[in-house]
PDB file of N, CA and C in Angstrom:
ATOM      1  N   MET A   1       0.815  -1.180   0.000  1.00  0.00           N
ATOM      2  CA  MET A   1       0.000   0.000   0.000  1.00  0.00           C
ATOM      3  C   MET A   1       0.869   1.258   0.000  1.00  0.00           C
ATOM      4  N   ALA A   2       1.922   1.249   0.723  1.00  0.00           N
ATOM      5  CA  ALA A   2       2.827   2.391   0.760  1.00  0.00           C
ATOM      6  C   ALA A   2       3.476   2.579  -0.608  1.00  0.00           C
ATOM      7  N   GLU A   3       3.692   1.450  -1.279  1.00  0.00           N
ATOM      8  CA  GLU A   3       4.291   1.526  -2.612  1.00  0.00           C
ATOM      9  C   GLU A   3       3.338   2.187  -3.612  1.00  0.00           C
ATOM     10  N   ALA A   4       2.046   1.899  -3.537  1.00  0.00           N
ATOM     11  CA  ALA A   4       1.045   2.500  -4.410  1.00  0.00           C
ATOM     12  C   ALA A   4       0.923   4.001  -4.128  1.00  0.00           C
ATOM     13  N   ALA A   5       0.948   4.382  -2.871  1.00  0.00           N
ATOM     14  CA  ALA A   5       0.877   5.799  -2.516  1.00  0.00           C
ATOM     15  C   ALA A   5       2.121   6.532  -3.017  1.00  0.00           C
ATOM     16  N   ASN A   6       3.252   5.841  -2.943  1.00  0.00           N
ATOM     17  CA  ASN A   6       4.504   6.426  -3.407  1.00  0.00           C
ATOM     18  C   ASN A   6       4.457   6.655  -4.926  1.00  0.00           C
ATOM     19  N   ARG A   7       3.869   5.705  -5.673  1.00  0.00           N
ATOM     20  CA  ARG A   7       3.723   5.852  -7.129  1.00  0.00           C
ATOM     21  C   ARG A   7       2.796   7.030  -7.462  1.00  0.00           C
ATOM     22  N   ARG A   8       1.672   7.109  -6.737  1.00  0.00           N
ATOM     23  CA  ARG A   8       0.740   8.210  -6.977  1.00  0.00           C
ATOM     24  C   ARG A   8       1.417   9.551  -6.714  1.00  0.00           C
ATOM     25  N   LEU A   9       2.154   9.608  -5.654  1.00  0.00           N
ATOM     26  CA  LEU A   9       2.863  10.839  -5.320  1.00  0.00           C
ATOM     27  C   LEU A   9       3.884  11.181  -6.415  1.00  0.00           C
ATOM     28  N   THR A  10       4.603  10.182  -6.890  1.00  0.00           N
ATOM     29  CA  THR A  10       5.582  10.395  -7.957  1.00  0.00           C
ATOM     30  C   THR A  10       4.894  10.861  -9.230  1.00  0.00           C
ATOM     31  N   ARG A  11       3.774  10.230  -9.583  1.00  0.00           N
ATOM     32  CA  ARG A  11       3.027  10.635 -10.772  1.00  0.00           C
ATOM     33  C   ARG A  11       2.462  12.047 -10.610  1.00  0.00           C
ATOM     34  N   GLY A  12       1.966  12.360  -9.438  1.00  0.00           N
ATOM     35  CA  GLY A  12       1.432  13.696  -9.186  1.00  0.00           C
ATOM     36  C   GLY A  12       2.508  14.760  -9.312  1.00  0.00           C
ATOM     37  N   ILE A  13       3.671  14.487  -8.741  1.00  0.00           N
ATOM     38  CA  ILE A  13       4.787  15.445  -8.819  1.00  0.00           C
ATOM     39  C   ILE A  13       5.237  15.604 -10.268  1.00  0.00           C
ATOM     40  N   THR A  14       5.305  14.478 -11.003  1.00  0.00           N
ATOM     41  CA  THR A  14       5.692  14.528 -12.417  1.00  0.00           C
ATOM     42  C   THR A  14       4.680  15.339 -13.220  1.00  0.00           C
ATOM     43  N   PHE A  15       3.381  15.112 -12.947  1.00  0.00           N
ATOM     44  CA  PHE A  15       2.329  15.839 -13.657  1.00  0.00           C
ATOM     45  C   PHE A  15       2.435  17.345 -13.384  1.00  0.00           C
ATOM     46  N   VAL A  16       2.607  17.706 -12.139  1.00  0.00           N
ATOM     47  CA  VAL A  16       2.731  19.118 -11.769  1.00  0.00           C
ATOM     48  C   VAL A  16       3.988  19.715 -12.399  1.00  0.00           C
ATOM     49  N   ALA A  17       5.080  18.941 -12.419  1.00  0.00           N
ATOM     50  CA  ALA A  17       6.326  19.427 -13.028  1.00  0.00           C
ATOM     51  C   ALA A  17       6.138  19.649 -14.531  1.00  0.00           C
ATOM     52  N   LEU A  18       5.433  18.737 -15.204  1.00  0.00           N
ATOM     53  CA  LEU A  18       5.180  18.898 -16.637  1.00  0.00           C
ATOM     54  C   LEU A  18       4.284  20.098 -16.907  1.00  0.00           C
ATOM     55  N   ILE A  19       3.262  20.287 -16.084  1.00  0.00           N
ATOM     56  CA  ILE A  19       2.394  21.459 -16.235  1.00  0.00           C
ATOM     57  C   ILE A  19       3.215  22.738 -16.022  1.00  0.00           C
ATOM     58  N   GLY A  20       4.061  22.726 -15.025  1.00  0.00           N
ATOM     59  CA  GLY A  20       4.909  23.898 -14.751  1.00  0.00           C
ATOM     60  C   GLY A  20       5.878  24.159 -15.894  1.00  0.00           C
ATOM     61  N   ALA A  21       6.462  23.079 -16.440  1.00  0.00           N
ATOM     62  CA  ALA A  21       7.393  23.247 -17.564  1.00  0.00           C
ATOM     63  C   ALA A  21       6.649  23.781 -18.784  1.00  0.00           C
ATOM     64  N   GLY A  22       5.445  23.286 -19.040  1.00  0.00           N
ATOM     65  CA  GLY A  22       4.643  23.782 -20.169  1.00  0.00           C
ATOM     66  C   GLY A  22       4.291  25.244 -19.996  1.00  0.00           C
ATOM     67  N   TYR A  23       3.898  25.618 -18.801  1.00  0.00           N
ATOM     68  CA  TYR A  23       3.588  27.023 -18.538  1.00  0.00           C
ATOM     69  C   TYR A  23       4.833  27.889 -18.717  1.00  0.00           C
ATOM     70  N   TYR A  24       5.961  27.427 -18.227  1.00  0.00           N
ATOM     71  CA  TYR A  24       7.211  28.170 -18.341  1.00  0.00           C
ATOM     72  C   TYR A  24       7.585  28.330 -19.822  1.00  0.00           C
ATOM     73  N   TRP A  25       7.337  27.274 -20.605  1.00  0.00           N
ATOM     74  CA  TRP A  25       7.643  27.324 -22.034  1.00  0.00           C
ATOM     75  C   TRP A  25       6.737  28.322 -22.761  1.00  0.00           C
ATOM     76  N   MET A  26       5.465  28.377 -22.366  1.00  0.00           N
ATOM     77  CA  MET A  26       4.507  29.250 -23.036  1.00  0.00           C
ATOM     78  C   MET A  26       4.599  30.704 -22.557  1.00  0.00           C
ATOM     79  N   ALA A  27       4.756  30.925 -21.275  1.00  0.00           N
ATOM     80  CA  ALA A  27       4.599  32.275 -20.752  1.00  0.00           C
ATOM     81  C   ALA A  27       5.763  32.767 -19.915  1.00  0.00           C
ATOM     82  N   GLY A  28       6.708  31.958 -19.641  1.00  0.00           N
ATOM     83  CA  GLY A  28       7.770  32.399 -18.742  1.00  0.00           C
ATOM     84  C   GLY A  28       9.125  32.321 -19.400  1.00  0.00           C
ATOM     85  N   GLY A  29      10.127  32.598 -18.652  1.00  0.00           N
ATOM     86  CA  GLY A  29      11.487  32.493 -19.153  1.00  0.00           C
ATOM     87  C   GLY A  29      11.915  33.724 -19.914  1.00  0.00           C
ATOM     88  N   GLU A  30      13.122  33.659 -20.422  1.00  0.00           N
ATOM     89  CA  GLU A  30      13.676  34.793 -21.145  1.00  0.00           C
ATOM     90  C   GLU A  30      12.983  34.984 -22.495  1.00  0.00           C
ATOM     91  N   TYR A  31      12.700  33.893 -23.191  1.00  0.00           N
ATOM     92  CA  TYR A  31      12.027  33.949 -24.486  1.00  0.00           C
ATOM     93  C   TYR A  31      10.717  33.186 -24.387  1.00  0.00           C
ATOM     94  N   THR A  32       9.610  33.913 -24.380  1.00  0.00           N
ATOM     95  CA  THR A  32       8.307  33.253 -24.328  1.00  0.00           C
ATOM     96  C   THR A  32       7.940  32.770 -25.722  1.00  0.00           C
ATOM     97  N   ARG A  33       6.964  31.908 -25.796  1.00  0.00           N
ATOM     98  CA  ARG A  33       6.525  31.398 -27.090  1.00  0.00           C
ATOM     99  C   ARG A  33       5.958  32.540 -27.937  1.00  0.00           C
ATOM    100  N   ALA A  34       5.206  33.419 -27.317  1.00  0.00           N
ATOM    101  CA  ALA A  34       4.662  34.569 -28.046  1.00  0.00           C
ATOM    102  C   ALA A  34       5.793  35.473 -28.528  1.00  0.00           C
ATOM    103  N   GLY A  35       6.811  35.648 -27.695  1.00  0.00           N
ATOM    104  CA  GLY A  35       7.958  36.457 -28.085  1.00  0.00           C
ATOM    105  C   GLY A  35       8.720  35.836 -29.246  1.00  0.00           C
ATOM    106  N   LEU A  36       8.865  34.521 -29.214  1.00  0.00           N
ATOM    107  CA  LEU A  36       9.544  33.835 -30.314  1.00  0.00           C
ATOM    108  C   LEU A  36       8.747  33.939 -31.607  1.00  0.00           C
ATOM    109  N   ASP A  37       7.425  33.838 -31.515  1.00  0.00           N
ATOM    110  CA  ASP A  37       6.582  33.998 -32.702  1.00  0.00           C
ATOM    111  C   ASP A  37       6.705  35.413 -33.271  1.00  0.00           C
ATOM    112  N   ARG A  38       6.728  36.408 -32.389  1.00  0.00           N
ATOM    113  CA  ARG A  38       6.878  37.794 -32.830  1.00  0.00           C
ATOM    114  C   ARG A  38       8.230  37.999 -33.511  1.00  0.00           C
ATOM    115  N   LEU A  39       9.281  37.429 -32.938  1.00  0.00           N
ATOM    116  CA  LEU A  39      10.607  37.540 -33.544  1.00  0.00           C
ATOM    117  C   LEU A  39      10.661  36.839 -34.899  1.00  0.00           C
ATOM    118  N   GLN A  40       9.985  35.709 -35.017  1.00  0.00           N
ATOM    119  CA  GLN A  40       9.955  34.992 -36.288  1.00  0.00           C
ATOM    120  C   GLN A  40       9.249  35.832 -37.363  1.00  0.00           C
ATOM    121  N   ARG A  41       8.140  36.475 -37.006  1.00  0.00           N
ATOM    122  CA  ARG A  41       7.442  37.345 -37.959  1.00  0.00           C
ATOM    123  C   ARG A  41       8.323  38.524 -38.360  1.00  0.00           C
ATOM    124  N   GLU A  42       9.050  39.071 -37.394  1.00  0.00           N
ATOM    125  CA  GLU A  42       9.944  40.182 -37.689  1.00  0.00           C
ATOM    126  C   GLU A  42      11.070  39.756 -38.624  1.00  0.00           C
ATOM    127  N   ILE A  43      11.595  38.566 -38.419  1.00  0.00           N
ATOM    128  CA  ILE A  43      12.645  38.040 -39.297  1.00  0.00           C
ATOM    129  C   ILE A  43      12.118  37.906 -40.722  1.00  0.00           C
ATOM    130  N   GLU A  44      10.921  37.350 -40.874  1.00  0.00           N
ATOM    131  CA  GLU A  44      10.331  37.193 -42.205  1.00  0.00           C
ATOM    132  C   GLU A  44      10.097  38.550 -42.852  1.00  0.00           C
ATOM    133  N   SER A  45       9.649  39.515 -42.079  1.00  0.00           N
ATOM    134  CA  SER A  45       9.423  40.863 -42.607  1.00  0.00           C
ATOM    135  C   SER A  45      10.736  41.482 -43.080  1.00  0.00           C
ATOM    136  N   ARG A  46      11.777  41.334 -42.300  1.00  0.00           N
ATOM    137  CA  ARG A  46      13.086  41.877 -42.684  1.00  0.00           C
ATOM    138  C   ARG A  46      13.642  41.177 -43.915  1.00  0.00           C
ATOM    139  N   ARG A  47      13.413  39.880 -44.030  1.00  0.00           N
ATOM    140  CA  ARG A  47      13.870  39.155 -45.226  1.00  0.00           C
ATOM    141  C   ARG A  47      13.147  39.663 -46.472  1.00  0.00           C
ATOM    142  N   ALA A  48      11.857  39.933 -46.340  1.00  0.00           N
ATOM    143  CA  ALA A  48      11.102  40.468 -47.477  1.00  0.00           C
ATOM    144  C   ALA A  48      11.619  41.863 -47.853  1.00  0.00           C
ATOM    145  N   GLU A  49      11.900  42.691 -46.858  1.00  0.00           N
ATOM    146  CA  GLU A  49      12.469  44.016 -47.124  1.00  0.00           C
ATOM    147  C   GLU A  49      13.813  43.896 -47.819  1.00  0.00           C
ATOM    148  N   ASN A  50      14.653  42.977 -47.346  1.00  0.00           N
ATOM    149  CA  ASN A  50      15.965  42.785 -47.960  1.00  0.00           C
ATOM    150  C   ASN A  50      15.837  42.333 -49.404  1.00  0.00           C
ATOM    151  N   ALA A  51      14.885  41.448 -49.685  1.00  0.00           N
ATOM    152  CA  ALA A  51      14.683  40.986 -51.053  1.00  0.00           C
ATOM    153  C   ALA A  51      14.235  42.142 -51.947  1.00  0.00           C
ATOM    154  N   ALA A  52      13.333  42.978 -51.440  1.00  0.00           N
ATOM    155  CA  ALA A  52      12.871  44.125 -52.226  1.00  0.00           C
ATOM    156  C   ALA A  52      14.016  45.102 -52.472  1.00  0.00           C
ATOM    157  N   ARG A  53      14.818  45.327 -51.474  1.00  0.00           N
ATOM    158  CA  ARG A  53      15.952  46.244 -51.645  1.00  0.00           C
ATOM    159  C   ARG A  53      17.007  45.656 -52.562  1.00  0.00           C
ATOM    160  N   ALA A  54      17.178  44.344 -52.538  1.00  0.00           N
ATOM    161  CA  ALA A  54      18.129  43.703 -53.457  1.00  0.00           C
ATOM    162  C   ALA A  54      17.661  43.877 -54.894  1.00  0.00           C
ATOM    163  N   ASP A  55      16.356  43.748 -55.130  1.00  0.00           N
ATOM    164  CA  ASP A  55      15.816  43.984 -56.474  1.00  0.00           C
ATOM    165  C   ASP A  55      16.027  45.430 -56.902  1.00  0.00           C
ATOM    166  N   GLU A  56      15.781  46.355 -55.980  1.00  0.00           N
ATOM    167  CA  GLU A  56      15.974  47.775 -56.285  1.00  0.00           C
ATOM    168  C   GLU A  56      17.445  48.076 -56.575  1.00  0.00           C
ATOM    169  N   LEU A  57      18.335  47.458 -55.808  1.00  0.00           N
ATOM    170  CA  LEU A  57      19.766  47.654 -56.019  1.00  0.00           C
ATOM    171  C   LEU A  57      20.193  47.108 -57.373  1.00  0.00           C
ATOM    172  N   ALA A  58      19.683  45.941 -57.743  1.00  0.00           N
ATOM    173  CA  ALA A  58      20.018  45.359 -59.049  1.00  0.00           C
ATOM    174  C   ALA A  58      19.537  46.264 -60.177  1.00  0.00           C
ATOM    175  N   SER A  59      18.348  46.822 -60.025  1.00  0.00           N
ATOM    176  CA  SER A  59      17.816  47.735 -61.030  1.00  0.00           C
ATOM    177  C   SER A  59      18.675  49.000 -61.130  1.00  0.00           C
ATOM    178  N   THR A  60      19.070  49.539 -59.989  1.00  0.00           N
ATOM    179  CA  THR A  60      19.902  50.739 -59.981  1.00  0.00           C
ATOM    180  C   THR A  60      21.264  50.467 -60.591  1.00  0.00           C
ATOM    181  N   ARG A  61      21.834  49.307 -60.292  1.00  0.00           N
ATOM    182  CA  ARG A  61      23.130  48.954 -60.886  1.00  0.00           C
ATOM    183  C   ARG A  61      23.021  48.796 -62.398  1.00  0.00           C
ATOM    184  N   ALA A  62      21.926  48.187 -62.856  1.00  0.00           N
ATOM    185  CA  ALA A  62      21.730  48.036 -64.301  1.00  0.00           C
ATOM    186  C   ALA A  62      21.596  49.403 -64.957  1.00  0.00           C
ATOM    187  N   TRP A  63      20.867  50.328 -64.327  1.00  0.00           N
ATOM    188  CA  TRP A  63      20.720  51.678 -64.861  1.00  0.00           C
ATOM    189  C   TRP A  63      22.068  52.396 -64.896  1.00  0.00           C
ATOM    190  N   ALA A  64      22.857  52.246 -63.831  1.00  0.00           N
ATOM    191  CA  ALA A  64      24.183  52.875 -63.786  1.00  0.00           C
ATOM    192  C   ALA A  64      25.084  52.293 -64.877  1.00  0.00           C
ATOM    193  N   ASP A  65      25.040  50.986 -65.072  1.00  0.00           N
ATOM    194  CA  ASP A  65      25.839  50.362 -66.133  1.00  0.00           C
ATOM    195  C   ASP A  65      25.426  50.870 -67.508  1.00  0.00           C
ATOM    196  N   SER A  66      24.118  51.042 -67.710  1.00  0.00           N
ATOM    197  CA  SER A  66      23.668  51.538 -69.007  1.00  0.00           C
ATOM    198  C   SER A  66      24.093  52.985 -69.215  1.00  0.00           C
ATOM    199  N   LEU A  67      24.132  53.778 -68.143  1.00  0.00           N
ATOM    200  CA  LEU A  67      24.596  55.160 -68.280  1.00  0.00           C
ATOM    201  C   LEU A  67      26.078  55.223 -68.633  1.00  0.00           C
ATOM    202  N   VAL A  68      26.836  54.247 -68.170  1.00  0.00           N
ATOM    203  CA  VAL A  68      28.266  54.224 -68.460  1.00  0.00           C
ATOM    204  C   VAL A  68      28.515  53.747 -69.890  1.00  0.00           C
ATOM    205  N   SER A  69      27.748  52.758 -70.327  1.00  0.00           N
ATOM    206  CA  SER A  69      28.082  52.105 -71.592  1.00  0.00           C
ATOM    207  C   SER A  69      27.153  52.422 -72.751  1.00  0.00           C
ATOM    208  N   ASN A  70      25.996  53.018 -72.515  1.00  0.00           N
ATOM    209  CA  ASN A  70      25.009  53.205 -73.572  1.00  0.00           C
ATOM    210  C   ASN A  70      24.778  54.694 -73.819  1.00  0.00           C
ATOM    211  N   PRO A  71      25.188  55.210 -74.975  1.00  0.00           N
ATOM    212  CA  PRO A  71      24.998  56.645 -75.237  1.00  0.00           C
ATOM    213  C   PRO A  71      23.526  57.033 -75.353  1.00  0.00           C
ATOM    214  N   TRP A  72      22.661  56.116 -75.731  1.00  0.00           N
ATOM    215  CA  TRP A  72      21.231  56.424 -75.819  1.00  0.00           C
ATOM    216  C   TRP A  72      20.653  56.705 -74.434  1.00  0.00           C
ATOM    217  N   ALA A  73      21.129  55.998 -73.432  1.00  0.00           N
ATOM    218  CA  ALA A  73      20.650  56.235 -72.068  1.00  0.00           C
ATOM    219  C   ALA A  73      21.073  57.615 -71.583  1.00  0.00           C
ATOM    220  N   ILE A  74      22.281  58.009 -71.916  1.00  0.00           N
ATOM    221  CA  ILE A  74      22.758  59.335 -71.532  1.00  0.00           C
ATOM    222  C   ILE A  74      21.924  60.413 -72.221  1.00  0.00           C
ATOM    223  N   GLU A  75      21.627  60.209 -73.494  1.00  0.00           N
ATOM    224  CA  GLU A  75      20.804  61.177 -74.225  1.00  0.00           C
ATOM    225  C   GLU A  75      19.399  61.263 -73.634  1.00  0.00           C
ATOM    226  N   ARG A  76      18.867  60.129 -73.240  1.00  0.00           N
ATOM    227  CA  ARG A  76      17.527  60.112 -72.649  1.00  0.00           C
ATOM    228  C   ARG A  76      17.487  60.938 -71.363  1.00  0.00           C
ATOM    229  N   VAL A  77      18.500  60.760 -70.508  1.00  0.00           N
ATOM    230  CA  VAL A  77      18.557  61.525 -69.263  1.00  0.00           C
ATOM    231  C   VAL A  77      18.700  63.011 -69.571  1.00  0.00           C
ATOM    232  N   ALA A  78      19.556  63.338 -70.523  1.00  0.00           N
ATOM    233  CA  ALA A  78      19.755  64.751 -70.871  1.00  0.00           C
ATOM    234  C   ALA A  78      18.459  65.365 -71.393  1.00  0.00           C
ATOM    235  N   ARG A  79      17.696  64.627 -72.169  1.00  0.00           N
ATOM    236  CA  ARG A  79      16.452  65.162 -72.720  1.00  0.00           C
ATOM    237  C   ARG A  79      15.364  65.266 -71.657  1.00  0.00           C
ATOM    238  N   GLU A  80      15.199  64.219 -70.856  1.00  0.00           N
ATOM    239  CA  GLU A  80      14.102  64.182 -69.891  1.00  0.00           C
ATOM    240  C   GLU A  80      14.339  65.104 -68.700  1.00  0.00           C
ATOM    241  N   ARG A  81      15.516  65.074 -68.150  1.00  0.00           N
ATOM    242  CA  ARG A  81      15.766  65.841 -66.929  1.00  0.00           C
ATOM    243  C   ARG A  81      16.163  67.286 -67.189  1.00  0.00           C
ATOM    244  N   TYR A  82      16.947  67.501 -68.228  1.00  0.00           N
ATOM    245  CA  TYR A  82      17.526  68.818 -68.419  1.00  0.00           C
ATOM    246  C   TYR A  82      16.966  69.563 -69.626  1.00  0.00           C
ATOM    247  N   GLY A  83      16.070  68.933 -70.364  1.00  0.00           N
ATOM    248  CA  GLY A  83      15.434  69.602 -71.483  1.00  0.00           C
ATOM    249  C   GLY A  83      16.350  69.858 -72.666  1.00  0.00           C
ATOM    250  N   PHE A  84      17.394  69.069 -72.805  1.00  0.00           N
ATOM    251  CA  PHE A  84      18.295  69.255 -73.933  1.00  0.00           C
ATOM    252  C   PHE A  84      17.586  68.879 -75.224  1.00  0.00           C
ATOM    253  N   VAL A  85      17.908  69.614 -76.283  1.00  0.00           N
ATOM    254  CA  VAL A  85      17.355  69.327 -77.606  1.00  0.00           C
ATOM    255  C   VAL A  85      18.496  69.374 -78.617  1.00  0.00           C
ATOM    256  N   ARG A  86      18.260  68.759 -79.748  1.00  0.00           N
ATOM    257  CA  ARG A  86      19.228  68.843 -80.837  1.00  0.00           C
ATOM    258  C   ARG A  86      19.026  70.185 -81.549  1.00  0.00           C
ATOM    259  N   PRO A  87      20.026  70.604 -82.330  1.00  0.00           N
ATOM    260  CA  PRO A  87      19.911  71.927 -82.977  1.00  0.00           C
ATOM    261  C   PRO A  87      18.688  72.080 -83.882  1.00  0.00           C
ATOM    262  N   ASP A  88      18.205  71.020 -84.485  1.00  0.00           N
ATOM    263  CA  ASP A  88      17.080  71.143 -85.415  1.00  0.00           C
ATOM    264  C   ASP A  88      15.738  70.836 -84.756  1.00  0.00           C
ATOM    265  N   GLU A  89      15.679  70.749 -83.439  1.00  0.00           N
ATOM    266  CA  GLU A  89      14.447  70.415 -82.724  1.00  0.00           C
ATOM    267  C   GLU A  89      13.909  71.631 -81.973  1.00  0.00           C
ATOM    268  N   ILE A  90      12.620  71.580 -81.664  1.00  0.00           N
ATOM    269  CA  ILE A  90      11.973  72.616 -80.866  1.00  0.00           C
ATOM    270  C   ILE A  90      11.445  71.959 -79.596  1.00  0.00           C
ATOM    271  N   LEU A  91      11.729  72.564 -78.474  1.00  0.00           N
ATOM    272  CA  LEU A  91      11.277  72.025 -77.197  1.00  0.00           C
ATOM    273  C   LEU A  91       9.926  72.631 -76.833  1.00  0.00           C
ATOM    274  N   VAL A  92       8.969  71.767 -76.514  1.00  0.00           N
ATOM    275  CA  VAL A  92       7.652  72.216 -76.075  1.00  0.00           C
ATOM    276  C   VAL A  92       7.406  71.616 -74.697  1.00  0.00           C
ATOM    277  N   ARG A  93       7.129  72.473 -73.734  1.00  0.00           N
ATOM    278  CA  ARG A  93       6.839  71.998 -72.377  1.00  0.00           C
ATOM    279  C   ARG A  93       5.405  72.346 -72.028  1.00  0.00           C
ATOM    280  N   PHE A  94       4.743  71.423 -71.382  1.00  0.00           N
ATOM    281  CA  PHE A  94       3.383  71.639 -70.921  1.00  0.00           C
ATOM    282  C   PHE A  94       3.420  71.814 -69.418  1.00  0.00           C
ATOM    283  N   VAL A  95       2.782  72.858 -68.936  1.00  0.00           N
ATOM    284  CA  VAL A  95       2.758  73.155 -67.514  1.00  0.00           C
ATOM    285  C   VAL A  95       1.341  72.933 -67.023  1.00  0.00           C
ATOM    286  N   GLU A  96       1.196  72.131 -65.996  1.00  0.00           N
ATOM    287  CA  GLU A  96      -0.113  71.896 -65.403  1.00  0.00           C
ATOM    288  C   GLU A  96      -0.367  72.939 -64.324  1.00  0.00           C
ATOM    289  N   LEU A  97      -1.565  73.518 -64.364  1.00  0.00           N
ATOM    290  CA  LEU A  97      -1.959  74.448 -63.326  1.00  0.00           C
ATOM    291  C   LEU A  97      -2.803  73.684 -62.330  1.00  0.00           C
ATOM    292  N   GLY A  98      -2.463  73.792 -61.071  1.00  0.00           N
ATOM    293  CA  GLY A  98      -3.098  72.989 -60.037  1.00  0.00           C
ATOM    294  C   GLY A  98      -4.575  73.248 -59.836  1.00  0.00           C
ATOM    295  N   ASP A  99      -5.014  74.513 -59.794  1.00  0.00           N
ATOM    296  CA  ASP A  99      -6.405  74.807 -59.445  1.00  0.00           C
ATOM    297  C   ASP A  99      -7.252  75.253 -60.632  1.00  0.00           C
ATOM    298  N   GLY A 100      -6.721  75.247 -61.822  1.00  0.00           N
ATOM    299  CA  GLY A 100      -7.485  75.623 -62.998  1.00  0.00           C
ATOM    300  C   GLY A 100      -7.579  77.121 -63.216  1.00  0.00           C
ATOM    301  N   SER A 101      -6.871  77.906 -62.451  1.00  0.00           N
ATOM    302  CA  SER A 101      -6.925  79.365 -62.595  1.00  0.00           C
ATOM    303  C   SER A 101      -5.950  79.814 -63.676  1.00  0.00           C
ATOM    304  N   ASP A 102      -6.004  81.093 -64.013  1.00  0.00           N
ATOM    305  CA  ASP A 102      -5.093  81.652 -65.008  1.00  0.00           C
ATOM    306  C   ASP A 102      -3.679  81.668 -64.445  1.00  0.00           C
ATOM    307  N   PRO A 103      -2.674  81.599 -65.333  1.00  0.00           N
ATOM    308  CA  PRO A 103      -1.288  81.657 -64.852  1.00  0.00           C
ATOM    309  C   PRO A 103      -0.972  83.039 -64.312  1.00  0.00           C
ATOM    310  N   PRO A 104       0.020  83.147 -63.427  1.00  0.00           N
ATOM    311  CA  PRO A 104       0.403  84.459 -62.903  1.00  0.00           C
ATOM    312  C   PRO A 104       0.897  85.363 -64.028  1.00  0.00           C
ATOM    313  N   ALA A 105       0.793  86.667 -63.828  1.00  0.00           N
ATOM    314  CA  ALA A 105       1.145  87.644 -64.858  1.00  0.00           C
ATOM    315  C   ALA A 105       2.619  87.575 -65.226  1.00  0.00           C
ATOM    316  N   SER A 106       3.465  87.111 -64.338  1.00  0.00           N
ATOM    317  CA  SER A 106       4.901  87.075 -64.619  1.00  0.00           C
ATOM    318  C   SER A 106       5.307  85.863 -65.449  1.00  0.00           C
ATOM    319  N   SER A 107       4.420  84.921 -65.637  1.00  0.00           N
ATOM    320  CA  SER A 107       4.800  83.719 -66.381  1.00  0.00           C
ATOM    321  C   SER A 107       4.695  83.974 -67.869  1.00  0.00           C
ATOM    322  N   PRO A 108       5.499  83.302 -68.692  1.00  0.00           N
ATOM    323  CA  PRO A 108       5.459  83.506 -70.137  1.00  0.00           C
ATOM    324  C   PRO A 108       4.102  83.108 -70.740  1.00  0.00           C
ATOM    325  N   GLN A 109       3.365  82.252 -70.102  1.00  0.00           N
ATOM    326  CA  GLN A 109       2.080  81.810 -70.626  1.00  0.00           C
ATOM    327  C   GLN A 109       1.030  82.924 -70.514  1.00  0.00           C
ATOM    328  N   ALA A 110       1.219  83.852 -69.600  1.00  0.00           N
ATOM    329  CA  ALA A 110       0.241  84.920 -69.419  1.00  0.00           C
ATOM    330  C   ALA A 110       0.230  85.863 -70.611  1.00  0.00           C
ATOM    331  N   ASN A 111       1.308  85.921 -71.365  1.00  0.00           N
ATOM    332  CA  ASN A 111       1.402  86.825 -72.508  1.00  0.00           C
ATOM    333  C   ASN A 111       0.937  86.202 -73.802  1.00  0.00           C
ATOM    334  N   VAL A 112       0.551  84.934 -73.762  1.00  0.00           N
ATOM    335  CA  VAL A 112       0.105  84.244 -74.972  1.00  0.00           C
ATOM    336  C   VAL A 112      -1.368  84.550 -75.181  1.00  0.00           C
ATOM    337  N   PRO A 113      -1.758  85.044 -76.375  1.00  0.00           N
ATOM    338  CA  PRO A 113      -3.178  85.332 -76.605  1.00  0.00           C
ATOM    339  C   PRO A 113      -3.989  84.053 -76.659  1.00  0.00           C
ATOM    340  N   ARG A 114      -5.246  84.164 -76.243  1.00  0.00           N
ATOM    341  CA  ARG A 114      -6.101  82.967 -76.202  1.00  0.00           C
ATOM    342  C   ARG A 114      -7.120  83.007 -77.294  1.00  0.00           C
TER     343      ARG A 114
END
């Protein structure tokens, strides 16, 4: 009979220890399960950001290489950004007015007859 009580006591202590270990694993300790899940999501988010930035970097490097080696790319930048034209061309720029009102009197468009 003492042996049976001893087994029950051992099983009870083991059960309580397992419950305590499970609780410690879920909610206690230095790294909780919720904390580990949050860190895992953060890692995945950072990996996605790194992949997007790697794609952007590859695109930028390809553009830089084309600017170094391709004269058409250089001409495109000169035309689009700086308004360069060839001697036999005429540059026409369209200006959008934000509110639909007339242009200010100091602008060259104000002197154009309508």
